[in-house]
N, C-alpha and C. Protein backbone atom coordinates (compact mmCIF):
# COMPACT_ATOMS: atom_id res chain seq x y z
N MET A 1 94.05 -61.10 -168.33
CA MET A 1 93.85 -59.67 -168.41
C MET A 1 92.39 -59.41 -168.76
N PRO A 2 91.77 -58.46 -168.09
CA PRO A 2 90.35 -58.24 -168.35
C PRO A 2 90.10 -57.58 -169.70
N ASP A 3 88.98 -57.94 -170.28
CA ASP A 3 88.50 -57.25 -171.48
C ASP A 3 87.46 -56.24 -171.03
N TYR A 4 87.71 -54.98 -171.32
CA TYR A 4 86.82 -53.92 -170.88
C TYR A 4 85.76 -53.65 -171.94
N LYS A 5 84.63 -53.14 -171.48
CA LYS A 5 83.57 -52.76 -172.40
C LYS A 5 84.10 -51.64 -173.30
N PRO A 6 83.79 -51.70 -174.59
CA PRO A 6 84.28 -50.66 -175.51
C PRO A 6 83.88 -49.25 -175.08
N TYR A 7 84.83 -48.35 -175.26
CA TYR A 7 84.66 -46.91 -175.06
C TYR A 7 84.49 -46.51 -173.59
N THR A 8 84.77 -47.40 -172.67
CA THR A 8 84.79 -47.04 -171.26
C THR A 8 86.15 -46.41 -170.96
N PRO A 9 86.28 -45.70 -169.84
CA PRO A 9 87.60 -45.14 -169.49
C PRO A 9 88.68 -46.22 -169.41
N GLU A 10 88.32 -47.39 -168.88
CA GLU A 10 89.29 -48.48 -168.77
C GLU A 10 89.74 -48.96 -170.16
N TRP A 11 88.79 -49.08 -171.04
CA TRP A 11 89.08 -49.52 -172.41
C TRP A 11 90.04 -48.54 -173.09
N HIS A 12 89.78 -47.23 -172.94
CA HIS A 12 90.65 -46.20 -173.55
C HIS A 12 92.05 -46.25 -172.96
N ARG A 13 92.15 -46.40 -171.62
CA ARG A 13 93.48 -46.47 -170.99
C ARG A 13 94.27 -47.63 -171.55
N LYS A 14 93.64 -48.79 -171.61
CA LYS A 14 94.33 -49.98 -172.12
C LYS A 14 94.72 -49.78 -173.58
N ARG A 15 93.85 -49.18 -174.37
CA ARG A 15 94.14 -48.93 -175.78
C ARG A 15 95.34 -48.00 -175.93
N TYR A 16 95.38 -46.90 -175.15
CA TYR A 16 96.50 -45.96 -175.23
C TYR A 16 97.81 -46.63 -174.85
N LEU A 17 97.78 -47.44 -173.79
CA LEU A 17 98.98 -48.14 -173.36
C LEU A 17 99.43 -49.12 -174.43
N LYS A 18 98.49 -49.85 -175.01
CA LYS A 18 98.81 -50.80 -176.07
C LYS A 18 99.44 -50.09 -177.27
N GLU A 19 98.86 -48.95 -177.66
CA GLU A 19 99.40 -48.20 -178.79
C GLU A 19 100.83 -47.73 -178.52
N ALA A 20 101.08 -47.26 -177.30
CA ALA A 20 102.43 -46.79 -176.96
C ALA A 20 103.42 -47.95 -176.98
N LEU A 21 103.03 -49.08 -176.37
CA LEU A 21 103.92 -50.25 -176.36
C LEU A 21 104.14 -50.79 -177.77
N ASP A 22 103.06 -50.83 -178.56
CA ASP A 22 103.19 -51.29 -179.94
C ASP A 22 104.19 -50.43 -180.71
N LYS A 23 104.17 -49.12 -180.50
CA LYS A 23 105.09 -48.21 -181.19
C LYS A 23 106.54 -48.53 -180.81
N TYR A 24 106.78 -48.71 -179.51
CA TYR A 24 108.13 -49.09 -179.08
C TYR A 24 108.57 -50.39 -179.74
N LEU A 25 107.69 -51.39 -179.71
CA LEU A 25 108.04 -52.69 -180.26
C LEU A 25 108.18 -52.65 -181.78
N ASP A 26 107.30 -51.92 -182.45
CA ASP A 26 107.38 -51.79 -183.91
C ASP A 26 108.66 -51.07 -184.34
N ASP A 27 109.14 -50.17 -183.50
CA ASP A 27 110.38 -49.44 -183.79
C ASP A 27 111.62 -50.19 -183.33
N TYR A 28 111.43 -51.41 -182.83
CA TYR A 28 112.52 -52.27 -182.37
C TYR A 28 113.38 -51.61 -181.29
N VAL A 29 112.72 -50.90 -180.37
CA VAL A 29 113.43 -50.27 -179.26
C VAL A 29 113.83 -51.35 -178.27
N GLU A 30 115.06 -51.28 -177.79
CA GLU A 30 115.56 -52.26 -176.84
C GLU A 30 114.77 -52.20 -175.54
N ASN A 31 114.60 -53.36 -174.91
CA ASN A 31 113.83 -53.45 -173.67
C ASN A 31 114.37 -52.54 -172.57
N ASP A 32 115.70 -52.40 -172.48
CA ASP A 32 116.25 -51.54 -171.43
C ASP A 32 115.88 -50.08 -171.66
N ILE A 33 115.74 -49.66 -172.91
CA ILE A 33 115.31 -48.29 -173.22
C ILE A 33 113.84 -48.11 -172.85
N ILE A 34 113.02 -49.11 -173.15
CA ILE A 34 111.60 -49.06 -172.79
C ILE A 34 111.46 -48.91 -171.28
N LEU A 35 112.19 -49.74 -170.54
CA LEU A 35 112.14 -49.67 -169.07
C LEU A 35 112.66 -48.33 -168.56
N GLU A 36 113.72 -47.81 -169.17
CA GLU A 36 114.27 -46.52 -168.76
C GLU A 36 113.25 -45.41 -169.00
N ASP A 37 112.57 -45.44 -170.15
CA ASP A 37 111.56 -44.44 -170.44
C ASP A 37 110.40 -44.52 -169.45
N ILE A 38 109.95 -45.73 -169.15
CA ILE A 38 108.89 -45.89 -168.16
C ILE A 38 109.35 -45.35 -166.81
N GLY A 39 110.56 -45.67 -166.42
CA GLY A 39 111.11 -45.16 -165.16
C GLY A 39 111.18 -43.64 -165.14
N ASP A 40 111.60 -43.03 -166.26
CA ASP A 40 111.67 -41.56 -166.35
C ASP A 40 110.28 -40.93 -166.19
N ILE A 41 109.30 -41.53 -166.84
CA ILE A 41 107.94 -41.01 -166.75
C ILE A 41 107.42 -41.12 -165.33
N LEU A 42 107.64 -42.26 -164.68
CA LEU A 42 107.18 -42.44 -163.31
C LEU A 42 107.91 -41.49 -162.36
N ASN A 43 109.22 -41.30 -162.59
CA ASN A 43 109.99 -40.40 -161.75
C ASN A 43 109.48 -38.96 -161.88
N SER A 44 109.20 -38.54 -163.10
CA SER A 44 108.67 -37.19 -163.31
C SER A 44 107.34 -37.02 -162.60
N ARG A 45 106.53 -38.05 -162.66
CA ARG A 45 105.22 -38.01 -162.00
C ARG A 45 105.40 -37.92 -160.49
N CYS A 46 106.36 -38.66 -159.94
CA CYS A 46 106.63 -38.62 -158.50
C CYS A 46 107.11 -37.25 -158.07
N ILE A 47 108.01 -36.66 -158.84
CA ILE A 47 108.53 -35.33 -158.51
C ILE A 47 107.40 -34.31 -158.51
N LYS A 48 106.55 -34.35 -159.53
CA LYS A 48 105.42 -33.43 -159.61
C LYS A 48 104.49 -33.62 -158.42
N ALA A 49 104.18 -34.87 -158.08
CA ALA A 49 103.29 -35.15 -156.95
C ALA A 49 103.90 -34.66 -155.65
N TYR A 50 105.21 -34.85 -155.47
CA TYR A 50 105.86 -34.42 -154.24
C TYR A 50 105.84 -32.90 -154.12
N LYS A 51 106.08 -32.20 -155.23
CA LYS A 51 106.02 -30.73 -155.19
C LYS A 51 104.62 -30.25 -154.84
N GLU A 52 103.62 -30.92 -155.38
CA GLU A 52 102.24 -30.56 -155.05
C GLU A 52 101.96 -30.83 -153.57
N PHE A 53 102.45 -31.96 -153.07
CA PHE A 53 102.30 -32.27 -151.65
C PHE A 53 102.96 -31.20 -150.79
N GLU A 54 104.19 -30.82 -151.13
CA GLU A 54 104.91 -29.82 -150.34
C GLU A 54 104.14 -28.50 -150.31
N LYS A 55 103.63 -28.08 -151.45
CA LYS A 55 102.89 -26.82 -151.51
C LYS A 55 101.62 -26.91 -150.68
N THR A 56 100.89 -28.00 -150.82
CA THR A 56 99.66 -28.19 -150.06
C THR A 56 99.95 -28.26 -148.57
N ASN A 57 101.00 -28.97 -148.21
CA ASN A 57 101.39 -29.09 -146.81
C ASN A 57 101.77 -27.74 -146.23
N GLN A 58 102.49 -26.94 -147.00
CA GLN A 58 102.88 -25.61 -146.55
C GLN A 58 101.64 -24.72 -146.35
N LEU A 59 100.71 -24.80 -147.28
CA LEU A 59 99.48 -24.02 -147.16
C LEU A 59 98.69 -24.43 -145.93
N GLU A 60 98.60 -25.73 -145.69
CA GLU A 60 97.91 -26.22 -144.50
C GLU A 60 98.59 -25.70 -143.23
N TRP A 61 99.91 -25.72 -143.21
CA TRP A 61 100.66 -25.22 -142.06
C TRP A 61 100.38 -23.72 -141.84
N MET A 62 100.34 -22.97 -142.93
CA MET A 62 100.09 -21.52 -142.84
C MET A 62 98.68 -21.26 -142.31
N ILE A 63 97.71 -22.05 -142.74
CA ILE A 63 96.34 -21.90 -142.27
C ILE A 63 96.28 -22.18 -140.78
N ARG A 64 96.90 -23.26 -140.34
CA ARG A 64 96.89 -23.61 -138.92
C ARG A 64 97.60 -22.53 -138.09
N LYS A 65 98.72 -21.99 -138.61
CA LYS A 65 99.48 -20.98 -137.90
C LYS A 65 98.64 -19.70 -137.75
N ASN A 66 97.94 -19.33 -138.80
CA ASN A 66 97.11 -18.12 -138.75
C ASN A 66 95.86 -18.30 -137.90
N ALA A 67 95.45 -19.54 -137.72
CA ALA A 67 94.25 -19.82 -136.89
C ALA A 67 94.55 -19.71 -135.40
N GLU A 68 95.82 -19.76 -135.05
CA GLU A 68 96.21 -19.70 -133.62
C GLU A 68 96.09 -18.32 -133.05
């Protein structure tokens, strides 16, 4: 695993992830719960991204339709 230069964006991301994982592990959360929480977070992110895509796609369609 790479060691990032201190205070770079990469270093902060890794630190935040480590802190979150440490909290789960320090609280003795079961691995299946950790995986479920990660899955929930990723799913929420996917839903948000898809809604943004749909809106952008609809706007693009409207622009093309009005250009005709």
